[in-house]
Amino acid sequence: MQFDDTPHSTSPLGMAAEEKTRDAILLVRDALKDRRAMLAFQPVVQARMPKRAAFYEGLIRIMDPTGRIIPAADFIHAIEPRELGRRIDCLALEMGLGTLAAEPGIRLSINMSARSIGYPEWLAVLERGLRHDPSLGERLILEITESSAIEMPDLVVEFMADMQERGICFALDDFGSGYTAFRYLKDFYFDIIKIDGEFIRGISRNPDNQVLTQALVSIAQHFDMFTVAESVETAEDARMLVEMGVDCLQGYFFGAPSVSEPWGVSNLKTRAG
């Protein structure tokens, strides 16, 4: 598989967007070269015992030369289809495995694109980590976005089957965002379904999203998949999601992503109880 980080001009109307993409690529490339990156951790709590984290999501953060954290929204769409996106996935996985090795009492999810499955360096990072300590696989969750999974379903299914035998769990991120053909869902065998935050924010006041979320929960339950609601921001939304039978909740109501290590139960927000 060949990767190309060079943007290509298509029309004068695209020049401004292309320049923004080029700037984002250069910014990320320099940050990776200097390893100006870290993980931020956000708790994913048990719906009925919200002071207890089921696992943590490790989110890659990169910094500019002054140390300012660059929001992922500023670069992720520019780099995701390029080799630079694979290198970001490599670094996130390397840091995630290092965190699991240092903290034997936690489970951690790390984001990846399905494109990284075919990237030799990413596979090498994973194999090195598991070879060093095979038990890490039992505490590692790999989150694959809906949009990338559907682009190469056969590759994803085969990879998941191989890695699940080694204890690794898989989460389908942004479930319901509009890409997955449900005919593929029964073949994927994801362990966890993360319901897209667009359905979750303000759900207690949105009857349409209540119906849609309940349908997504029912689909996940039918396929025996664990459910996580993303972007939970209020107590009212959290209560409704518990009533719907969602297994876990994630969002600012329970804790923002933090570069400090929020492993202790006491570090979770007390208002979550």
C-alpha atoms as a PDB file:
ATOM      1  CA  MET A   1       0.000   0.000   0.000  1.00  0.00           C
ATOM      2  CA  GLN A   2       1.385   3.396  -0.980  1.00  0.00           C
ATOM      3  CA  PHE A   3       0.779   6.564   0.987  1.00  0.00           C
ATOM      4  CA  ASP A   4       1.023  10.151  -0.153  1.00  0.00           C
ATOM      5  CA  ASP A   5       1.236  13.122   2.197  1.00  0.00           C
ATOM      6  CA  THR A   6       1.308  15.691  -0.615  1.00  0.00           C
ATOM      7  CA  PRO A   7      -1.902  17.652  -1.180  1.00  0.00           C
ATOM      8  CA  HIS A   8      -2.890  18.062  -4.839  1.00  0.00           C
ATOM      9  CA  SER A   9      -4.602  21.123  -6.239  1.00  0.00           C
ATOM     10  CA  THR A  10      -7.959  20.402  -7.841  1.00  0.00           C
ATOM     11  CA  SER A  11      -9.426  23.848  -8.515  1.00  0.00           C
ATOM     12  CA  PRO A  12      -8.925  27.490  -7.552  1.00  0.00           C
ATOM     13  CA  LEU A  13     -11.876  27.152  -5.187  1.00  0.00           C
ATOM     14  CA  GLY A  14      -9.968  24.494  -3.241  1.00  0.00           C
ATOM     15  CA  MET A  15      -6.763  26.482  -2.803  1.00  0.00           C
ATOM     16  CA  ALA A  16      -7.652  27.930   0.619  1.00  0.00           C
ATOM     17  CA  ALA A  17      -8.675  24.550   1.983  1.00  0.00           C
ATOM     18  CA  GLU A  18      -5.567  22.999   0.470  1.00  0.00           C
ATOM     19  CA  GLU A  19      -3.339  25.572   2.150  1.00  0.00           C
ATOM     20  CA  LYS A  20      -4.981  24.861   5.514  1.00  0.00           C
ATOM     21  CA  THR A  21      -4.430  21.138   4.967  1.00  0.00           C
ATOM     22  CA  ARG A  22      -0.784  21.733   4.075  1.00  0.00           C
ATOM     23  CA  ASP A  23      -0.233  23.801   7.221  1.00  0.00           C
ATOM     24  CA  ALA A  24      -1.838  21.103   9.376  1.00  0.00           C
ATOM     25  CA  ILE A  25       0.328  18.412   7.808  1.00  0.00           C
ATOM     26  CA  LEU A  26       3.526  20.369   8.415  1.00  0.00           C
ATOM     27  CA  LEU A  27       2.526  21.120  12.001  1.00  0.00           C
ATOM     28  CA  VAL A  28       1.835  17.461  12.811  1.00  0.00           C
ATOM     29  CA  ARG A  29       4.906  16.244  10.937  1.00  0.00           C
ATOM     30  CA  ASP A  30       7.177  18.532  12.967  1.00  0.00           C
ATOM     31  CA  ALA A  31       5.480  17.565  16.229  1.00  0.00           C
ATOM     32  CA  LEU A  32       5.951  13.868  15.536  1.00  0.00           C
ATOM     33  CA  LYS A  33       9.576  14.357  14.529  1.00  0.00           C
ATOM     34  CA  ASP A  34      10.258  15.999  17.900  1.00  0.00           C
ATOM     35  CA  ARG A  35       7.880  13.626  19.768  1.00  0.00           C
ATOM     36  CA  ARG A  36       5.858  16.565  21.038  1.00  0.00           C
ATOM     37  CA  ALA A  37       2.923  14.361  21.937  1.00  0.00           C
ATOM     38  CA  MET A  38       1.161  12.831  24.931  1.00  0.00           C
ATOM     39  CA  LEU A  39      -1.998  10.957  25.817  1.00  0.00           C
ATOM     40  CA  ALA A  40      -4.950  12.551  27.560  1.00  0.00           C
ATOM     41  CA  PHE A  41      -7.153  10.136  29.505  1.00  0.00           C
ATOM     42  CA  GLN A  42     -10.936  10.247  29.822  1.00  0.00           C
ATOM     43  CA  PRO A  43     -12.855   7.841  32.086  1.00  0.00           C
ATOM     44  CA  VAL A  44     -15.583   5.588  30.724  1.00  0.00           C
ATOM     45  CA  VAL A  45     -17.747   4.816  33.765  1.00  0.00           C
ATOM     46  CA  GLN A  46     -20.147   2.028  34.556  1.00  0.00           C
ATOM     47  CA  ALA A  47     -23.679   3.348  34.053  1.00  0.00           C
ATOM     48  CA  ARG A  48     -25.076   1.994  37.317  1.00  0.00           C
ATOM     49  CA  MET A  49     -21.888   2.559  39.338  1.00  0.00           C
ATOM     50  CA  PRO A  50     -20.635   5.846  37.871  1.00  0.00           C
ATOM     51  CA  LYS A  51     -17.865   6.349  40.408  1.00  0.00           C
ATOM     52  CA  ARG A  52     -16.135   3.300  38.973  1.00  0.00           C
ATOM     53  CA  ALA A  53     -14.298   3.524  35.652  1.00  0.00           C
ATOM     54  CA  ALA A  54     -14.718   0.512  33.390  1.00  0.00           C
ATOM     55  CA  PHE A  55     -11.789   1.747  31.328  1.00  0.00           C
ATOM     56  CA  TYR A  56     -10.086   4.923  30.134  1.00  0.00           C
ATOM     57  CA  GLU A  57      -9.806   6.255  26.610  1.00  0.00           C
ATOM     58  CA  GLY A  58      -6.315   7.442  25.702  1.00  0.00           C
ATOM     59  CA  LEU A  59      -6.533  10.372  23.281  1.00  0.00           C
ATOM     60  CA  ILE A  60      -3.425  11.502  21.416  1.00  0.00           C
ATOM     61  CA  ARG A  61      -2.492  15.144  21.887  1.00  0.00           C
ATOM     62  CA  ILE A  62       0.232  16.968  19.969  1.00  0.00           C
ATOM     63  CA  MET A  63       1.862  20.266  20.864  1.00  0.00           C
ATOM     64  CA  ASP A  64       3.329  23.148  18.936  1.00  0.00           C
ATOM     65  CA  PRO A  65       6.919  24.331  19.667  1.00  0.00           C
ATOM     66  CA  THR A  66       5.662  26.548  22.520  1.00  0.00           C
ATOM     67  CA  GLY A  67       3.991  23.608  24.263  1.00  0.00           C
ATOM     68  CA  ARG A  68       0.445  24.621  23.346  1.00  0.00           C
ATOM     69  CA  ILE A  69      -1.819  21.623  22.790  1.00  0.00           C
ATOM     70  CA  ILE A  70      -3.227  21.604  19.264  1.00  0.00           C
ATOM     71  CA  PRO A  71      -6.903  20.573  19.099  1.00  0.00           C
ATOM     72  CA  ALA A  72      -7.369  17.349  17.127  1.00  0.00           C
ATOM     73  CA  ALA A  73     -10.093  19.071  15.089  1.00  0.00           C
ATOM     74  CA  ASP A  74      -7.382  21.290  13.600  1.00  0.00           C
ATOM     75  CA  PHE A  75      -5.529  18.418  11.955  1.00  0.00           C
ATOM     76  CA  ILE A  76      -7.234  15.032  12.142  1.00  0.00           C
ATOM     77  CA  HIS A  77      -9.176  15.260   8.879  1.00  0.00           C
ATOM     78  CA  ALA A  78      -6.089  16.455   7.025  1.00  0.00           C
ATOM     79  CA  ILE A  79      -3.843  13.614   8.144  1.00  0.00           C
ATOM     80  CA  GLU A  80      -6.231  10.658   8.550  1.00  0.00           C
ATOM     81  CA  PRO A  81      -6.029   9.400   4.931  1.00  0.00           C
ATOM     82  CA  ARG A  82      -2.273  10.011   4.715  1.00  0.00           C
ATOM     83  CA  GLU A  83       0.749   8.170   6.035  1.00  0.00           C
ATOM     84  CA  LEU A  84       1.011  10.820   8.721  1.00  0.00           C
ATOM     85  CA  GLY A  85      -2.235   9.451  10.123  1.00  0.00           C
ATOM     86  CA  ARG A  86      -0.632   6.014  10.368  1.00  0.00           C
ATOM     87  CA  ARG A  87       2.324   7.501  12.227  1.00  0.00           C
ATOM     88  CA  ILE A  88      -0.040   9.199  14.690  1.00  0.00           C
ATOM     89  CA  ASP A  89      -1.691   5.810  15.245  1.00  0.00           C
ATOM     90  CA  CYS A  90       1.729   4.239  15.832  1.00  0.00           C
ATOM     91  CA  LEU A  91       2.668   6.793  18.470  1.00  0.00           C
ATOM     92  CA  ALA A  92      -0.717   6.576  20.208  1.00  0.00           C
ATOM     93  CA  LEU A  93      -0.463   2.781  20.363  1.00  0.00           C
ATOM     94  CA  GLU A  94       3.125   2.906  21.610  1.00  0.00           C
ATOM     95  CA  MET A  95       2.157   5.321  24.390  1.00  0.00           C
ATOM     96  CA  GLY A  96      -0.943   3.319  25.223  1.00  0.00           C
ATOM     97  CA  LEU A  97       0.976   0.062  25.582  1.00  0.00           C
ATOM     98  CA  GLY A  98       3.531   1.855  27.733  1.00  0.00           C
ATOM     99  CA  THR A  99       0.763   3.147  29.985  1.00  0.00           C
ATOM    100  CA  LEU A 100      -0.740  -0.334  30.355  1.00  0.00           C
ATOM    101  CA  ALA A 101       2.675  -1.758  31.231  1.00  0.00           C
ATOM    102  CA  ALA A 102       3.179   0.903  33.909  1.00  0.00           C
ATOM    103  CA  GLU A 103      -0.380   0.642  35.316  1.00  0.00           C
ATOM    104  CA  PRO A 104      -1.418  -3.014  35.673  1.00  0.00           C
ATOM    105  CA  GLY A 105      -4.744  -2.110  37.287  1.00  0.00           C
ATOM    106  CA  ILE A 106      -6.378  -0.331  34.347  1.00  0.00           C
ATOM    107  CA  ARG A 107      -7.887  -1.029  30.942  1.00  0.00           C
ATOM    108  CA  LEU A 108      -7.229   1.469  28.167  1.00  0.00           C
ATOM    109  CA  SER A 109      -8.714   2.139  24.752  1.00  0.00           C
ATOM    110  CA  ILE A 110      -6.642   3.606  21.927  1.00  0.00           C
ATOM    111  CA  ASN A 111      -8.013   5.039  18.702  1.00  0.00           C
ATOM    112  CA  MET A 112      -6.905   3.780  15.322  1.00  0.00           C
ATOM    113  CA  SER A 113      -7.939   3.909  11.701  1.00  0.00           C
ATOM    114  CA  ALA A 114      -8.682   0.663   9.906  1.00  0.00           C
ATOM    115  CA  ARG A 115      -6.054   1.830   7.412  1.00  0.00           C
ATOM    116  CA  SER A 116      -3.381   1.196  10.041  1.00  0.00           C
ATOM    117  CA  ILE A 117      -4.074  -2.545   9.976  1.00  0.00           C
ATOM    118  CA  GLY A 118      -2.127  -2.710   6.730  1.00  0.00           C
ATOM    119  CA  TYR A 119       0.688  -0.439   7.921  1.00  0.00           C
ATOM    120  CA  PRO A 120       3.754  -2.535   8.847  1.00  0.00           C
ATOM    121  CA  GLU A 121       5.127  -0.117  11.443  1.00  0.00           C
ATOM    122  CA  TRP A 122       1.831  -0.036  13.371  1.00  0.00           C
ATOM    123  CA  LEU A 123       1.660  -3.829  13.366  1.00  0.00           C
ATOM    124  CA  ALA A 124       5.273  -3.945  14.563  1.00  0.00           C
ATOM    125  CA  VAL A 125       4.468  -1.641  17.504  1.00  0.00           C
ATOM    126  CA  LEU A 126       1.571  -3.898  18.489  1.00  0.00           C
ATOM    127  CA  GLU A 127       3.602  -7.090  18.177  1.00  0.00           C
ATOM    128  CA  ARG A 128       6.504  -5.673  20.196  1.00  0.00           C
ATOM    129  CA  GLY A 129       4.178  -4.701  22.993  1.00  0.00           C
ATOM    130  CA  LEU A 130       2.434  -8.063  23.124  1.00  0.00           C
ATOM    131  CA  ARG A 131       5.709  -9.961  22.847  1.00  0.00           C
ATOM    132  CA  HIS A 132       7.132  -8.004  25.771  1.00  0.00           C
ATOM    133  CA  ASP A 133       4.025  -8.720  27.873  1.00  0.00           C
ATOM    134  CA  PRO A 134       1.262 -10.872  26.313  1.00  0.00           C
ATOM    135  CA  SER A 135      -1.098  -9.981  29.174  1.00  0.00           C
ATOM    136  CA  LEU A 136      -1.328  -6.396  27.891  1.00  0.00           C
ATOM    137  CA  GLY A 137      -3.712  -7.602  25.214  1.00  0.00           C
ATOM    138  CA  GLU A 138      -6.299  -8.479  27.844  1.00  0.00           C
ATOM    139  CA  ARG A 139      -6.422  -4.827  28.954  1.00  0.00           C
ATOM    140  CA  LEU A 140      -6.142  -3.180  25.517  1.00  0.00           C
ATOM    141  CA  ILE A 141      -9.185  -1.931  23.620  1.00  0.00           C
ATOM    142  CA  LEU A 142      -8.724  -0.744  20.038  1.00  0.00           C
ATOM    143  CA  GLU A 143     -11.302   1.805  18.870  1.00  0.00           C
ATOM    144  CA  ILE A 144     -11.980   1.835  15.129  1.00  0.00           C
ATOM    145  CA  THR A 145     -14.167   4.550  13.651  1.00  0.00           C
ATOM    146  CA  GLU A 146     -17.285   3.530  11.774  1.00  0.00           C
ATOM    147  CA  SER A 147     -16.177   5.439   8.674  1.00  0.00           C
ATOM    148  CA  SER A 148     -12.828   3.638   8.339  1.00  0.00           C
ATOM    149  CA  ALA A 149     -14.176   0.185   9.265  1.00  0.00           C
ATOM    150  CA  ILE A 150     -16.687   0.197   6.427  1.00  0.00           C
ATOM    151  CA  GLU A 151     -13.999   1.054   3.865  1.00  0.00           C
ATOM    152  CA  MET A 152     -12.250  -2.298   4.319  1.00  0.00           C
ATOM    153  CA  PRO A 153     -14.618  -4.644   6.160  1.00  0.00           C
ATOM    154  CA  ASP A 154     -12.934  -7.915   5.169  1.00  0.00           C
ATOM    155  CA  LEU A 155      -9.549  -6.740   6.473  1.00  0.00           C
ATOM    156  CA  VAL A 156     -11.109  -5.497   9.714  1.00  0.00           C
ATOM    157  CA  VAL A 157     -12.990  -8.753  10.324  1.00  0.00           C
ATOM    158  CA  GLU A 158      -9.886 -10.895   9.770  1.00  0.00           C
ATOM    159  CA  PHE A 159      -7.674  -8.684  11.937  1.00  0.00           C
ATOM    160  CA  MET A 160     -10.215  -8.564  14.754  1.00  0.00           C
ATOM    161  CA  ALA A 161     -10.585 -12.344  14.780  1.00  0.00           C
ATOM    162  CA  ASP A 162      -6.816 -12.798  15.063  1.00  0.00           C
ATOM    163  CA  MET A 163      -6.376 -10.217  17.811  1.00  0.00           C
ATOM    164  CA  GLN A 164      -9.432 -11.234  19.843  1.00  0.00           C
ATOM    165  CA  GLU A 165      -7.809 -14.643  20.239  1.00  0.00           C
ATOM    166  CA  ARG A 166      -4.973 -12.785  21.977  1.00  0.00           C
ATOM    167  CA  GLY A 167      -7.331 -11.035  24.369  1.00  0.00           C
ATOM    168  CA  ILE A 168      -7.692  -7.648  22.638  1.00  0.00           C
ATOM    169  CA  CYS A 169     -11.162  -6.064  22.620  1.00  0.00           C
ATOM    170  CA  PHE A 170     -12.490  -3.886  19.815  1.00  0.00           C
ATOM    171  CA  ALA A 171     -14.818  -0.898  19.983  1.00  0.00           C
ATOM    172  CA  LEU A 172     -16.756   0.537  17.054  1.00  0.00           C
ATOM    173  CA  ASP A 173     -16.446   4.297  17.534  1.00  0.00           C
ATOM    174  CA  ASP A 174     -19.094   6.854  16.484  1.00  0.00           C
ATOM    175  CA  PHE A 175     -21.757   4.168  15.988  1.00  0.00           C
ATOM    176  CA  GLY A 176     -24.793   5.561  14.196  1.00  0.00           C
ATOM    177  CA  SER A 177     -22.924   8.377  12.464  1.00  0.00           C
ATOM    178  CA  GLY A 178     -24.167   7.158   9.113  1.00  0.00           C
ATOM    179  CA  TYR A 179     -21.567   4.937   7.494  1.00  0.00           C
ATOM    180  CA  THR A 180     -22.018   1.361   8.659  1.00  0.00           C
ATOM    181  CA  ALA A 181     -24.195  -0.877   6.533  1.00  0.00           C
ATOM    182  CA  PHE A 182     -26.006  -3.036   9.065  1.00  0.00           C
ATOM    183  CA  ARG A 183     -25.432  -6.096   6.908  1.00  0.00           C
ATOM    184  CA  TYR A 184     -21.758  -5.857   7.945  1.00  0.00           C
ATOM    185  CA  LEU A 185     -22.446  -5.447  11.650  1.00  0.00           C
ATOM    186  CA  LYS A 186     -23.121  -9.132  12.293  1.00  0.00           C
ATOM    187  CA  ASP A 187     -19.777  -9.986  10.674  1.00  0.00           C
ATOM    188  CA  PHE A 188     -17.658  -7.455  12.562  1.00  0.00           C
ATOM    189  CA  TYR A 189     -18.070  -8.963  16.062  1.00  0.00           C
ATOM    190  CA  PHE A 190     -17.122  -5.769  17.838  1.00  0.00           C
ATOM    191  CA  ASP A 191     -17.039  -6.190  21.603  1.00  0.00           C
ATOM    192  CA  ILE A 192     -18.099  -2.602  22.312  1.00  0.00           C
ATOM    193  CA  ILE A 193     -20.343  -0.143  20.485  1.00  0.00           C
ATOM    194  CA  LYS A 194     -19.778   3.559  21.234  1.00  0.00           C
ATOM    195  CA  ILE A 195     -22.904   5.525  20.323  1.00  0.00           C
ATOM    196  CA  ASP A 196     -22.092   8.776  18.545  1.00  0.00           C
ATOM    197  CA  GLY A 197     -22.349  11.890  20.690  1.00  0.00           C
ATOM    198  CA  GLU A 198     -24.641  13.591  18.181  1.00  0.00           C
ATOM    199  CA  PHE A 199     -27.430  11.340  19.472  1.00  0.00           C
ATOM    200  CA  ILE A 200     -26.480  11.745  23.137  1.00  0.00           C
ATOM    201  CA  ARG A 201     -26.038  15.481  23.799  1.00  0.00           C
ATOM    202  CA  GLY A 202     -29.301  16.813  25.223  1.00  0.00           C
ATOM    203  CA  ILE A 203     -31.051  13.471  24.757  1.00  0.00           C
ATOM    204  CA  SER A 204     -33.313  14.072  27.755  1.00  0.00           C
ATOM    205  CA  ARG A 205     -34.919  16.954  25.793  1.00  0.00           C
ATOM    206  CA  ASN A 206     -34.904  15.379  22.332  1.00  0.00           C
ATOM    207  CA  PRO A 207     -37.578  12.724  21.664  1.00  0.00           C
ATOM    208  CA  ASP A 208     -36.171  11.940  18.208  1.00  0.00           C
ATOM    209  CA  ASN A 209     -32.733  11.131  19.586  1.00  0.00           C
ATOM    210  CA  GLN A 210     -34.331   9.098  22.365  1.00  0.00           C
ATOM    211  CA  VAL A 211     -35.976   6.840  19.792  1.00  0.00           C
ATOM    212  CA  LEU A 212     -32.828   6.586  17.673  1.00  0.00           C
ATOM    213  CA  THR A 213     -30.556   5.858  20.648  1.00  0.00           C
ATOM    214  CA  GLN A 214     -32.926   3.217  21.985  1.00  0.00           C
ATOM    215  CA  ALA A 215     -32.839   1.570  18.561  1.00  0.00           C
ATOM    216  CA  LEU A 216     -29.021   1.596  18.529  1.00  0.00           C
ATOM    217  CA  VAL A 217     -28.932   0.111  22.032  1.00  0.00           C
ATOM    218  CA  SER A 218     -31.348  -2.626  20.949  1.00  0.00           C
ATOM    219  CA  ILE A 219     -29.188  -3.444  17.915  1.00  0.00           C
ATOM    220  CA  ALA A 220     -26.072  -3.679  20.078  1.00  0.00           C
ATOM    221  CA  GLN A 221     -27.855  -5.872  22.613  1.00  0.00           C
ATOM    222  CA  HIS A 222     -29.108  -8.166  19.849  1.00  0.00           C
ATOM    223  CA  PHE A 223     -25.513  -8.772  18.747  1.00  0.00           C
ATOM    224  CA  ASP A 224     -24.343  -9.123  22.377  1.00  0.00           C
ATOM    225  CA  MET A 225     -22.216  -5.976  22.181  1.00  0.00           C
ATOM    226  CA  PHE A 226     -21.393  -3.766  25.170  1.00  0.00           C
ATOM    227  CA  THR A 227     -22.705  -0.175  24.788  1.00  0.00           C
ATOM    228  CA  VAL A 228     -21.037   3.139  25.635  1.00  0.00           C
ATOM    229  CA  ALA A 229     -22.783   6.502  25.262  1.00  0.00           C
ATOM    230  CA  GLU A 230     -20.363   9.272  24.258  1.00  0.00           C
ATOM    231  CA  SER A 231     -20.638  12.989  25.066  1.00  0.00           C
ATOM    232  CA  VAL A 232     -22.731  12.680  28.242  1.00  0.00           C
ATOM    233  CA  GLU A 233     -22.833  16.189  29.680  1.00  0.00           C
ATOM    234  CA  THR A 234     -25.748  16.400  32.146  1.00  0.00           C
ATOM    235  CA  ALA A 235     -27.258  14.399  34.987  1.00  0.00           C
ATOM    236  CA  GLU A 236     -30.598  14.312  33.153  1.00  0.00           C
ATOM    237  CA  ASP A 237     -29.019  12.761  30.079  1.00  0.00           C
ATOM    238  CA  ALA A 238     -27.110  10.256  32.224  1.00  0.00           C
ATOM    239  CA  ARG A 239     -30.284   9.123  34.021  1.00  0.00           C
ATOM    240  CA  MET A 240     -32.145   8.616  30.772  1.00  0.00           C
ATOM    241  CA  LEU A 241     -29.308   6.579  29.289  1.00  0.00           C
ATOM    242  CA  VAL A 242     -29.219   4.346  32.360  1.00  0.00           C
ATOM    243  CA  GLU A 243     -32.962   3.763  31.952  1.00  0.00           C
ATOM    244  CA  MET A 244     -32.389   2.835  28.310  1.00  0.00           C
ATOM    245  CA  GLY A 245     -29.996   0.102  29.357  1.00  0.00           C
ATOM    246  CA  VAL A 246     -26.713   1.665  28.199  1.00  0.00           C
ATOM    247  CA  ASP A 247     -23.803  -0.134  29.874  1.00  0.00           C
ATOM    248  CA  CYS A 248     -21.256   2.699  30.202  1.00  0.00           C
ATOM    249  CA  LEU A 249     -21.166   6.481  29.980  1.00  0.00           C
ATOM    250  CA  GLN A 250     -18.423   8.822  28.804  1.00  0.00           C
ATOM    251  CA  GLY A 251     -18.368  12.591  28.703  1.00  0.00           C
ATOM    252  CA  TYR A 252     -17.561  15.826  30.468  1.00  0.00           C
ATOM    253  CA  PHE A 253     -20.153  15.145  33.158  1.00  0.00           C
ATOM    254  CA  PHE A 254     -17.905  12.357  34.415  1.00  0.00           C
ATOM    255  CA  GLY A 255     -14.547  13.839  33.521  1.00  0.00           C
ATOM    256  CA  ALA A 256     -12.785  15.737  30.747  1.00  0.00           C
ATOM    257  CA  PRO A 257      -9.728  14.253  29.038  1.00  0.00           C
ATOM    258  CA  SER A 258      -6.744  14.939  31.280  1.00  0.00           C
ATOM    259  CA  VAL A 259      -3.019  14.526  30.767  1.00  0.00           C
ATOM    260  CA  SER A 260      -2.765  13.629  34.458  1.00  0.00           C
ATOM    261  CA  GLU A 261      -3.488  10.025  35.406  1.00  0.00           C
ATOM    262  CA  PRO A 262      -7.054   9.755  36.761  1.00  0.00           C
ATOM    263  CA  TRP A 263      -6.791   6.117  37.813  1.00  0.00           C
ATOM    264  CA  GLY A 264      -8.113   6.446  41.361  1.00  0.00           C
ATOM    265  CA  VAL A 265     -11.862   6.257  42.000  1.00  0.00           C
ATOM    266  CA  SER A 266     -11.520   9.444  44.058  1.00  0.00           C
ATOM    267  CA  ASN A 267     -10.431  11.285  40.918  1.00  0.00           C
ATOM    268  CA  LEU A 268     -13.827  10.798  39.262  1.00  0.00           C
ATOM    269  CA  LYS A 269     -16.246  13.667  39.722  1.00  0.00           C
ATOM    270  CA  THR A 270     -18.280  13.184  42.869  1.00  0.00           C
ATOM    271  CA  ARG A 271     -21.366  14.680  41.211  1.00  0.00           C
ATOM    272  CA  ALA A 272     -21.441  11.574  38.996  1.00  0.00           C
ATOM    273  CA  GLY A 273     -22.826   9.657  41.965  1.00  0.00           C
END
